[in-house]
């Protein structure tokens, strides 16, 4: 009986050790978003979970602050560092403010990448752009120009003044503005990615610029708010709202005519790709250095440039011809 008990005890210990080893092998990847409750990032979460299911040994920790502040993200990041996660993939609210905290994470052996909205190079191993900044910059002004055959005044409604991606896209847009000589950019305002503030800023644009023909909002929160402001002002057909948005949130505004077209990459693909990259780096199956290629599953692969950045895909245009198909997806 004692021999049997000893055998059972040995088996139980082995079982515990095996379970512990299996648990240790799980790669915990934190997907840190600008703020919780934003549709774009909820869709990115789905992509991250898809990648985790495909990889098989990944646990996704989806988290972020309740508002789009650097302070809120730093608090979240400190908690993740304390949890000793394997990797952090962050869409930053501020390029520079997060860098010291993320450098501390890397110093402790945590893989850190940024995606969507970048972190300063010292605070991450690499950055995944949804698309290339020049392509996005050209796209957002082209979307306005395509529906202004006779030209006219357009204005930009962005997110925060410190938002890395919006600032870069607007800069690239301004570089090619001369290619659209009939389009006159009259103002850039900031709604802080808050629906109510973005709505008020859109109202202000229409009041300050009575000849305004289009509002370009390179933010999924701002474009919806601007479209609603145009609708409420009775200016459908007079002011076209375009930029970057989610099909599910913009479907009604496309159908009403408040927005003739807009663009976005697929955030599901973006969350998926960021997770794949973080995993391969954390497992030492890829390196983050200029010229390196990193596999991203069904999305193919990326190649890092001299700044350790890469582009996932070109932006895609949504309009009345395809909005129903995509609005049911994200």
Protein backbone atom coordinates (compact mmCIF):
# COMPACT_ATOMS: atom_id res chain seq x y z
CA UNK A 1 0.00 0.00 0.00
CA UNK A 2 2.83 2.40 0.84
CA UNK A 3 4.45 1.63 -2.52
CA UNK A 4 1.17 2.42 -4.30
CA UNK A 5 0.77 5.62 -2.29
CA UNK A 6 4.36 6.57 -3.14
CA UNK A 7 3.69 5.91 -6.83
CA UNK A 8 0.56 8.02 -6.73
CA UNK A 9 2.40 10.80 -4.96
CA UNK A 10 5.18 10.70 -7.55
CA UNK A 11 2.61 10.77 -10.36
CA UNK A 12 0.83 13.71 -8.73
CA UNK A 13 4.08 15.66 -8.42
CA UNK A 14 4.93 14.90 -12.03
CA UNK A 15 1.48 16.06 -13.07
CA UNK A 16 1.91 19.35 -11.19
CA UNK A 17 5.36 19.88 -12.70
CA UNK A 18 4.03 19.19 -16.20
CA UNK A 19 1.14 21.61 -15.65
CA UNK A 20 3.58 24.21 -14.38
CA UNK A 21 5.81 23.73 -17.40
CA UNK A 22 2.84 24.06 -19.75
CA UNK A 23 1.79 27.22 -17.98
CA UNK A 24 5.32 28.59 -18.18
CA UNK A 25 5.38 28.00 -21.93
CA UNK A 26 2.33 30.18 -22.50
CA UNK A 27 3.37 33.50 -24.05
CA UNK A 28 1.45 36.37 -22.48
CA UNK A 29 1.05 39.26 -24.92
CA UNK A 30 -0.53 42.50 -23.73
CA UNK A 31 -2.38 44.44 -26.42
CA UNK A 32 -2.45 47.98 -25.00
CA UNK A 33 -4.87 50.35 -26.74
CA UNK A 34 -5.34 54.11 -26.58
CA UNK A 35 -8.57 53.74 -24.62
CA UNK A 36 -11.09 51.04 -23.88
CA UNK A 37 -14.52 51.18 -25.52
CA UNK A 38 -13.36 52.38 -28.97
CA UNK A 39 -14.70 50.24 -31.82
CA UNK A 40 -11.47 50.27 -33.80
CA UNK A 41 -9.52 48.74 -30.92
CA UNK A 42 -12.28 46.27 -30.06
CA UNK A 43 -11.88 45.00 -33.64
CA UNK A 44 -8.09 44.83 -33.18
CA UNK A 45 -8.73 42.67 -30.11
CA UNK A 46 -10.59 40.16 -32.29
CA UNK A 47 -7.57 39.95 -34.57
CA UNK A 48 -5.23 39.44 -31.63
CA UNK A 49 -7.42 36.62 -30.34
CA UNK A 50 -7.46 35.07 -33.82
CA UNK A 51 -3.65 35.09 -33.89
CA UNK A 52 -3.51 33.62 -30.38
CA UNK A 53 -5.82 30.78 -31.37
CA UNK A 54 -3.72 30.13 -34.46
CA UNK A 55 -0.44 30.11 -32.52
CA UNK A 56 -1.91 27.98 -29.76
CA UNK A 57 0.34 28.93 -26.83
CA UNK A 58 -0.60 32.60 -26.43
CA UNK A 59 -2.67 34.42 -23.82
CA UNK A 60 -3.90 37.87 -24.89
CA UNK A 61 -4.23 40.55 -22.22
CA UNK A 62 -6.37 43.27 -23.79
CA UNK A 63 -6.09 46.47 -21.80
CA UNK A 64 -5.87 50.25 -21.89
CA UNK A 65 -6.90 53.36 -19.97
CA UNK A 66 -10.44 54.75 -19.84
CA UNK A 67 -9.37 57.95 -21.61
CA UNK A 68 -6.81 58.79 -24.28
CA UNK A 69 -4.02 60.05 -22.04
CA UNK A 70 -0.35 59.12 -21.71
CA UNK A 71 -0.76 59.07 -17.92
CA UNK A 72 -3.49 56.45 -18.18
CA UNK A 73 -1.37 54.26 -20.45
CA UNK A 74 1.69 54.57 -18.20
CA UNK A 75 -0.37 53.31 -15.26
CA UNK A 76 -1.50 50.32 -17.34
CA UNK A 77 2.07 49.64 -18.51
CA UNK A 78 3.45 49.69 -14.96
CA UNK A 79 0.90 47.06 -13.99
CA UNK A 80 1.91 44.87 -16.94
CA UNK A 81 5.59 45.19 -16.04
CA UNK A 82 4.76 44.09 -12.49
CA UNK A 83 2.91 41.08 -13.95
CA UNK A 84 6.04 40.22 -15.98
CA UNK A 85 4.18 39.70 -19.24
CA UNK A 86 6.24 38.35 -22.13
CA UNK A 87 5.39 41.07 -24.64
CA UNK A 88 3.67 44.45 -24.86
CA UNK A 89 2.16 45.73 -28.11
CA UNK A 90 0.99 49.32 -27.62
CA UNK A 91 -0.85 51.95 -29.65
CA UNK A 92 0.56 55.08 -28.04
CA UNK A 93 -1.28 58.18 -26.86
CA UNK A 94 2.02 60.07 -26.80
CA UNK A 95 5.22 59.36 -28.75
CA UNK A 96 7.71 60.35 -26.09
CA UNK A 97 5.90 60.14 -22.75
CA UNK A 98 5.62 56.34 -22.79
CA UNK A 99 9.22 55.70 -23.82
CA UNK A 100 10.88 55.68 -20.35
CA UNK A 101 8.33 53.21 -18.98
CA UNK A 102 8.61 50.96 -22.02
CA UNK A 103 12.41 51.09 -21.89
CA UNK A 104 12.17 49.84 -18.33
CA UNK A 105 9.97 47.00 -19.60
CA UNK A 106 12.59 46.07 -22.20
CA UNK A 107 15.35 46.26 -19.59
CA UNK A 108 13.41 43.59 -17.68
CA UNK A 109 13.31 41.30 -20.70
CA UNK A 110 9.83 42.15 -21.98
CA UNK A 111 9.44 42.39 -25.76
CA UNK A 112 7.96 45.79 -26.67
CA UNK A 113 6.52 46.86 -30.00
CA UNK A 114 4.25 49.72 -30.97
CA UNK A 115 1.52 49.50 -33.58
CA UNK A 116 -0.99 51.95 -35.09
CA UNK A 117 0.41 54.95 -33.17
CA UNK A 118 4.14 54.80 -32.54
CA UNK A 119 6.49 55.14 -29.61
CA UNK A 120 9.87 56.88 -29.81
CA UNK A 121 12.56 54.41 -30.97
CA UNK A 122 14.19 54.15 -27.55
CA UNK A 123 10.91 52.83 -26.14
CA UNK A 124 10.25 49.93 -28.53
CA UNK A 125 11.94 47.27 -30.62
CA UNK A 126 9.92 48.03 -33.75
CA UNK A 127 6.79 49.81 -34.93
CA UNK A 128 4.01 48.47 -37.15
CA UNK A 129 2.29 51.14 -39.22
CA UNK A 130 -1.18 50.18 -40.48
CA UNK A 131 -0.10 51.48 -43.88
CA UNK A 132 2.61 53.81 -45.08
CA UNK A 133 2.26 57.41 -43.96
CA UNK A 134 2.67 58.85 -47.50
CA UNK A 135 -0.06 56.56 -48.86
CA UNK A 136 -2.44 57.51 -46.05
CA UNK A 137 -1.67 61.22 -46.35
CA UNK A 138 -2.38 61.15 -50.05
CA UNK A 139 -5.48 59.01 -49.60
CA UNK A 140 -7.25 61.27 -47.12
CA UNK A 141 -6.94 64.40 -49.27
CA UNK A 142 -7.67 62.43 -52.45
CA UNK A 143 -10.94 61.21 -50.92
CA UNK A 144 -11.96 64.85 -50.44
CA UNK A 145 -10.72 65.96 -53.86
CA UNK A 146 -12.42 63.09 -55.73
CA UNK A 147 -15.79 64.43 -54.63
CA UNK A 148 -14.92 68.08 -55.30
CA UNK A 149 -14.56 68.31 -59.10
CA UNK A 150 -14.70 72.11 -58.87
CA UNK A 151 -12.51 72.29 -55.76
CA UNK A 152 -13.25 74.14 -52.54
CA UNK A 153 -12.31 74.64 -48.90
CA UNK A 154 -11.59 71.60 -46.73
CA UNK A 155 -10.65 71.32 -43.05
CA UNK A 156 -9.06 68.64 -40.89
CA UNK A 157 -10.53 67.30 -37.65
CA UNK A 158 -7.80 65.29 -35.91
CA UNK A 159 -7.46 63.47 -32.58
CA UNK A 160 -5.03 64.90 -30.01
CA UNK A 161 -2.23 67.38 -30.69
CA UNK A 162 0.25 64.70 -29.52
CA UNK A 163 -1.22 61.76 -31.45
CA UNK A 164 1.71 60.32 -33.39
CA UNK A 165 -0.12 58.79 -36.29
CA UNK A 166 -2.58 61.62 -37.03
CA UNK A 167 0.20 64.22 -36.95
CA UNK A 168 2.30 62.19 -39.37
CA UNK A 169 -0.60 61.59 -41.76
CA UNK A 170 -1.56 65.27 -41.79
CA UNK A 171 2.07 66.21 -42.43
CA UNK A 172 2.16 63.83 -45.40
CA UNK A 173 -1.19 65.16 -46.59
CA UNK A 174 0.15 68.70 -46.59
CA UNK A 175 3.18 67.57 -48.63
CA UNK A 176 0.94 66.45 -51.50
CA UNK A 177 -1.75 69.13 -51.14
CA UNK A 178 -0.22 70.93 -54.11
CA UNK A 179 -1.18 67.97 -56.28
CA UNK A 180 -4.80 69.00 -55.74
CA UNK A 181 -4.68 72.72 -56.63
CA UNK A 182 -8.44 73.22 -56.40
CA UNK A 183 -8.54 71.95 -52.82
CA UNK A 184 -7.76 74.55 -50.16
CA UNK A 185 -6.98 73.32 -46.61
CA UNK A 186 -8.26 76.11 -44.36
CA UNK A 187 -7.90 74.73 -40.81
CA UNK A 188 -6.85 71.85 -38.58
CA UNK A 189 -8.65 71.33 -35.26
CA UNK A 190 -8.45 68.66 -32.54
CA UNK A 191 -11.28 66.72 -30.91
CA UNK A 192 -9.05 64.64 -28.59
CA UNK A 193 -10.76 61.46 -29.86
CA UNK A 194 -13.77 62.38 -27.73
CA UNK A 195 -17.11 62.23 -29.50
CA UNK A 196 -18.63 65.32 -27.89
CA UNK A 197 -15.57 67.53 -28.36
CA UNK A 198 -15.09 66.32 -31.95
CA UNK A 199 -18.76 67.13 -32.65
CA UNK A 200 -18.32 70.67 -31.30
CA UNK A 201 -15.12 71.18 -33.28
CA UNK A 202 -16.91 70.10 -36.48
CA UNK A 203 -19.71 72.54 -35.73
CA UNK A 204 -17.13 75.26 -35.21
CA UNK A 205 -15.49 74.51 -38.55
CA UNK A 206 -18.77 74.92 -40.41
CA UNK A 207 -19.53 78.17 -38.59
CA UNK A 208 -16.04 79.64 -39.07
CA UNK A 209 -15.81 78.60 -42.72
CA UNK A 210 -19.23 79.03 -44.36
CA UNK A 211 -17.85 77.89 -47.74
CA UNK A 212 -16.48 74.65 -46.32
CA UNK A 213 -16.97 71.71 -48.70
CA UNK A 214 -15.37 68.83 -46.83
CA UNK A 215 -14.13 67.74 -43.40
CA UNK A 216 -11.24 65.25 -43.33
CA UNK A 217 -11.12 63.31 -40.07
CA UNK A 218 -8.23 60.79 -39.88
CA UNK A 219 -9.69 59.29 -36.69
CA UNK A 220 -12.52 56.79 -36.23
CA UNK A 221 -14.07 58.85 -33.42
CA UNK A 222 -13.79 62.20 -35.21
CA UNK A 223 -15.23 61.07 -38.54
CA UNK A 224 -18.45 59.80 -36.95
CA UNK A 225 -18.83 62.97 -34.86
CA UNK A 226 -18.22 65.17 -37.90
CA UNK A 227 -20.75 63.25 -40.00
CA UNK A 228 -23.33 63.66 -37.25
CA UNK A 229 -22.58 67.38 -36.99
CA UNK A 230 -23.07 67.79 -40.74
CA UNK A 231 -26.33 65.87 -40.56
CA UNK A 232 -27.63 67.93 -37.63
CA UNK A 233 -26.64 71.16 -39.40
CA UNK A 234 -28.71 70.14 -42.43
CA UNK A 235 -25.63 70.28 -44.66
CA UNK A 236 -25.71 66.84 -46.25
CA UNK A 237 -24.77 67.42 -49.86
CA UNK A 238 -22.99 70.66 -48.97
CA UNK A 239 -20.23 69.34 -46.69
CA UNK A 240 -18.77 65.90 -47.33
CA UNK A 241 -17.14 64.06 -44.41
CA UNK A 242 -14.26 61.73 -45.21
CA UNK A 243 -11.07 60.37 -43.67
CA UNK A 244 -10.49 57.19 -41.70
CA UNK A 245 -13.34 55.33 -40.00
CA UNK A 246 -14.97 52.00 -39.22
CA UNK A 247 -17.54 50.62 -41.68
CA UNK A 248 -19.88 49.57 -38.87
CA UNK A 249 -19.89 53.09 -37.43
CA UNK A 250 -20.05 54.89 -40.78
CA UNK A 251 -22.64 52.78 -42.62
CA UNK A 252 -25.56 55.03 -41.72
CA UNK A 253 -23.67 58.17 -42.68
CA UNK A 254 -22.67 56.71 -46.05
CA UNK A 255 -26.28 55.78 -46.73
CA UNK A 256 -27.50 59.25 -45.70
CA UNK A 257 -24.94 60.93 -47.95
CA UNK A 258 -23.11 62.70 -45.13
CA UNK A 259 -20.02 60.72 -46.20
CA UNK A 260 -19.51 59.73 -49.81
CA UNK A 261 -16.45 57.59 -49.09
CA UNK A 262 -13.77 56.98 -46.47
CA UNK A 263 -10.85 54.63 -45.94
CA UNK A 264 -9.36 52.39 -43.29
CA UNK A 265 -7.18 49.34 -43.03
CA UNK A 266 -8.81 46.38 -41.39
CA UNK A 267 -8.20 46.72 -37.62
CA UNK A 268 -8.78 42.99 -37.24
CA UNK A 269 -5.76 42.45 -39.49
CA UNK A 270 -3.81 45.05 -37.50
CA UNK A 271 -4.38 43.38 -34.12
CA UNK A 272 -3.61 40.03 -35.72
CA UNK A 273 -0.35 41.26 -37.26
CA UNK A 274 0.82 43.03 -34.08
CA UNK A 275 0.27 39.85 -32.10
CA UNK A 276 2.16 37.73 -34.62
CA UNK A 277 5.12 40.13 -34.57
CA UNK A 278 5.21 40.33 -30.76
CA UNK A 279 5.09 36.53 -30.53
CA UNK A 280 7.92 35.86 -32.98
CA UNK A 281 10.13 38.47 -31.29
CA UNK A 282 9.34 37.22 -27.80
CA UNK A 283 10.15 33.64 -28.83
CA UNK A 284 13.40 34.76 -30.51
CA UNK A 285 12.06 33.45 -33.81
CA UNK A 286 12.70 36.85 -35.43
CA UNK A 287 14.86 39.90 -34.79
CA UNK A 288 13.97 43.59 -34.88
CA UNK A 289 16.72 45.15 -36.98
CA UNK A 290 16.82 47.12 -40.23
CA UNK A 291 16.21 44.87 -43.23
CA UNK A 292 14.83 42.00 -41.15
CA UNK A 293 11.67 40.22 -42.27
CA UNK A 294 9.08 39.04 -39.77
CA UNK A 295 6.24 36.64 -40.66
CA UNK A 296 2.70 37.81 -39.89
CA UNK A 297 0.66 34.70 -40.58
CA UNK A 298 -2.08 35.06 -43.18
CA UNK A 299 -0.97 38.66 -43.81
CA UNK A 300 2.36 37.49 -45.24
CA UNK A 301 5.45 39.21 -43.88
CA UNK A 302 6.85 42.65 -43.16
CA UNK A 303 10.32 44.07 -43.77
CA UNK A 304 11.73 46.60 -41.31
CA UNK A 305 13.17 49.86 -42.64
CA UNK A 306 16.15 51.78 -41.26
CA UNK A 307 13.99 53.03 -38.37
CA UNK A 308 12.77 49.53 -37.48
CA UNK A 309 9.34 50.37 -38.86
CA UNK A 310 7.14 48.51 -41.33
CA UNK A 311 3.80 48.98 -43.08
CA UNK A 312 1.09 46.34 -42.89
CA UNK A 313 -1.05 47.16 -45.96
CA UNK A 314 -2.52 49.88 -48.16
CA UNK A 315 -5.66 51.70 -46.95
CA UNK A 316 -8.93 50.47 -48.47
CA UNK A 317 -11.79 52.70 -49.63
CA UNK A 318 -15.36 52.12 -48.46
CA UNK A 319 -18.42 53.65 -50.12
CA UNK A 320 -22.03 52.82 -50.93
CA UNK A 321 -20.94 49.92 -53.14
CA UNK A 322 -19.33 47.89 -50.34
CA UNK A 323 -20.36 49.39 -47.01
CA UNK A 324 -22.98 46.71 -46.24
CA UNK A 325 -20.49 43.92 -46.81
CA UNK A 326 -17.90 45.32 -44.42
CA UNK A 327 -20.11 46.96 -41.80
CA UNK A 328 -21.13 43.52 -40.52
CA UNK A 329 -17.45 42.62 -39.97
CA UNK A 330 -16.01 45.61 -38.09
